[in-house]
Amino acid sequence: MSDNPLEIVGQAACANLLSKGMYVTGMIDPGEVDRSDGYCWCNQTQNMYGPDDQYVDRASCVAGRQCYVSRI
């Protein structure tokens, strides 16, 4: 077991944020921790970097990022 505590992000994730965990559980709760291996990618770029050339992960793909797309 890891000594790193899991971070809960209190904001909705970008609609373009994808993770292997989504395919295992069939859904991702925008307020919860991604319980997969942590590997995420952007649906828009199909890469681990977003359209703004910044790294993609659950903690950084939130409102305020230039390329953020709301789920609503």
C-alpha atoms as a PDB file:
ATOM      1  CA  MET A   1       0.000   0.000   0.000  1.00  0.00           C
ATOM      2  CA  SER A   2       1.269   3.464  -0.874  1.00  0.00           C
ATOM      3  CA  ASP A   3       2.151   6.025   1.776  1.00  0.00           C
ATOM      4  CA  ASN A   4       0.790   8.791  -0.455  1.00  0.00           C
ATOM      5  CA  PRO A   5      -2.671   9.939   0.610  1.00  0.00           C
ATOM      6  CA  LEU A   6      -5.264  10.090  -2.160  1.00  0.00           C
ATOM      7  CA  GLU A   7      -6.292  13.595  -3.076  1.00  0.00           C
ATOM      8  CA  ILE A   8      -9.980  14.377  -3.486  1.00  0.00           C
ATOM      9  CA  VAL A   9     -10.521  17.147  -5.992  1.00  0.00           C
ATOM     10  CA  GLY A  10     -13.600  19.220  -5.165  1.00  0.00           C
ATOM     11  CA  GLN A  11     -14.226  20.422  -8.724  1.00  0.00           C
ATOM     12  CA  ALA A  12     -15.749  18.752 -11.742  1.00  0.00           C
ATOM     13  CA  ALA A  13     -13.232  17.321 -14.189  1.00  0.00           C
ATOM     14  CA  CYS A  14     -13.005  18.488 -17.789  1.00  0.00           C
ATOM     15  CA  ALA A  15     -15.353  16.643 -20.137  1.00  0.00           C
ATOM     16  CA  ASN A  16     -12.322  15.699 -22.255  1.00  0.00           C
ATOM     17  CA  LEU A  17     -10.430  14.011 -19.400  1.00  0.00           C
ATOM     18  CA  LEU A  18     -10.309  10.243 -19.857  1.00  0.00           C
ATOM     19  CA  SER A  19      -8.803   7.490 -17.735  1.00  0.00           C
ATOM     20  CA  LYS A  20      -8.577   3.709 -17.742  1.00  0.00           C
ATOM     21  CA  GLY A  21     -10.704   3.748 -14.580  1.00  0.00           C
ATOM     22  CA  MET A  22     -13.637   4.999 -16.640  1.00  0.00           C
ATOM     23  CA  TYR A  23     -13.558   1.824 -18.708  1.00  0.00           C
ATOM     24  CA  VAL A  24     -13.302  -0.450 -15.688  1.00  0.00           C
ATOM     25  CA  THR A  25     -16.128   1.089 -13.652  1.00  0.00           C
ATOM     26  CA  GLY A  26     -18.064   2.606 -16.563  1.00  0.00           C
ATOM     27  CA  MET A  27     -18.191   6.030 -14.951  1.00  0.00           C
ATOM     28  CA  ILE A  28     -16.098   8.647 -13.226  1.00  0.00           C
ATOM     29  CA  ASP A  29     -17.495  10.751 -10.413  1.00  0.00           C
ATOM     30  CA  PRO A  30     -16.107  14.263 -11.020  1.00  0.00           C
ATOM     31  CA  GLY A  31     -15.682  14.838  -7.260  1.00  0.00           C
ATOM     32  CA  GLU A  32     -13.892  11.600  -6.456  1.00  0.00           C
ATOM     33  CA  VAL A  33     -10.375  10.344  -6.767  1.00  0.00           C
ATOM     34  CA  ASP A  34      -9.502   8.464  -9.927  1.00  0.00           C
ATOM     35  CA  ARG A  35      -8.913   4.965  -8.553  1.00  0.00           C
ATOM     36  CA  SER A  36      -7.164   3.633 -11.635  1.00  0.00           C
ATOM     37  CA  ASP A  37      -3.405   3.664 -12.157  1.00  0.00           C
ATOM     38  CA  GLY A  38      -3.515   7.446 -12.522  1.00  0.00           C
ATOM     39  CA  TYR A  39      -2.837   7.432 -16.245  1.00  0.00           C
ATOM     40  CA  CYS A  40      -5.110   9.968 -17.950  1.00  0.00           C
ATOM     41  CA  TRP A  41      -5.331  11.386 -21.441  1.00  0.00           C
ATOM     42  CA  CYS A  42      -7.187  14.161 -23.204  1.00  0.00           C
ATOM     43  CA  ASN A  43      -9.962  13.123 -25.574  1.00  0.00           C
ATOM     44  CA  GLN A  44      -9.319  16.205 -27.658  1.00  0.00           C
ATOM     45  CA  THR A  45      -5.598  15.550 -28.262  1.00  0.00           C
ATOM     46  CA  GLN A  46      -5.555  11.756 -27.612  1.00  0.00           C
ATOM     47  CA  ASN A  47      -2.388  12.393 -25.635  1.00  0.00           C
ATOM     48  CA  MET A  48      -1.193  12.932 -22.073  1.00  0.00           C
ATOM     49  CA  TYR A  49      -0.926  16.654 -22.880  1.00  0.00           C
ATOM     50  CA  GLY A  50      -3.928  18.880 -23.437  1.00  0.00           C
ATOM     51  CA  PRO A  51      -4.457  21.414 -26.234  1.00  0.00           C
ATOM     52  CA  ASP A  52      -2.622  23.939 -24.044  1.00  0.00           C
ATOM     53  CA  ASP A  53       0.492  21.665 -24.033  1.00  0.00           C
ATOM     54  CA  GLN A  54       0.130  21.094 -20.285  1.00  0.00           C
ATOM     55  CA  TYR A  55       0.146  17.672 -18.601  1.00  0.00           C
ATOM     56  CA  VAL A  56      -3.299  16.069 -18.173  1.00  0.00           C
ATOM     57  CA  ASP A  57      -4.386  14.680 -14.798  1.00  0.00           C
ATOM     58  CA  ARG A  58      -7.396  14.750 -12.499  1.00  0.00           C
ATOM     59  CA  ALA A  59      -6.069  17.543 -10.304  1.00  0.00           C
ATOM     60  CA  SER A  60      -5.207  19.961 -13.113  1.00  0.00           C
ATOM     61  CA  CYS A  61      -8.054  19.434 -15.597  1.00  0.00           C
ATOM     62  CA  VAL A  62     -10.539  21.641 -13.772  1.00  0.00           C
ATOM     63  CA  ALA A  63     -12.324  24.963 -14.334  1.00  0.00           C
ATOM     64  CA  GLY A  64      -9.875  27.778 -14.890  1.00  0.00           C
ATOM     65  CA  ARG A  65      -7.663  25.874 -17.303  1.00  0.00           C
ATOM     66  CA  GLN A  66      -7.762  27.470 -20.762  1.00  0.00           C
ATOM     67  CA  CYS A  67      -8.924  24.291 -22.551  1.00  0.00           C
ATOM     68  CA  TYR A  68     -11.439  23.177 -19.850  1.00  0.00           C
ATOM     69  CA  VAL A  69     -14.827  22.002 -21.159  1.00  0.00           C
ATOM     70  CA  SER A  70     -17.741  21.761 -18.719  1.00  0.00           C
ATOM     71  CA  ARG A  71     -19.641  18.467 -18.491  1.00  0.00           C
ATOM     72  CA  ILE A  72     -22.929  20.365 -18.418  1.00  0.00           C
END
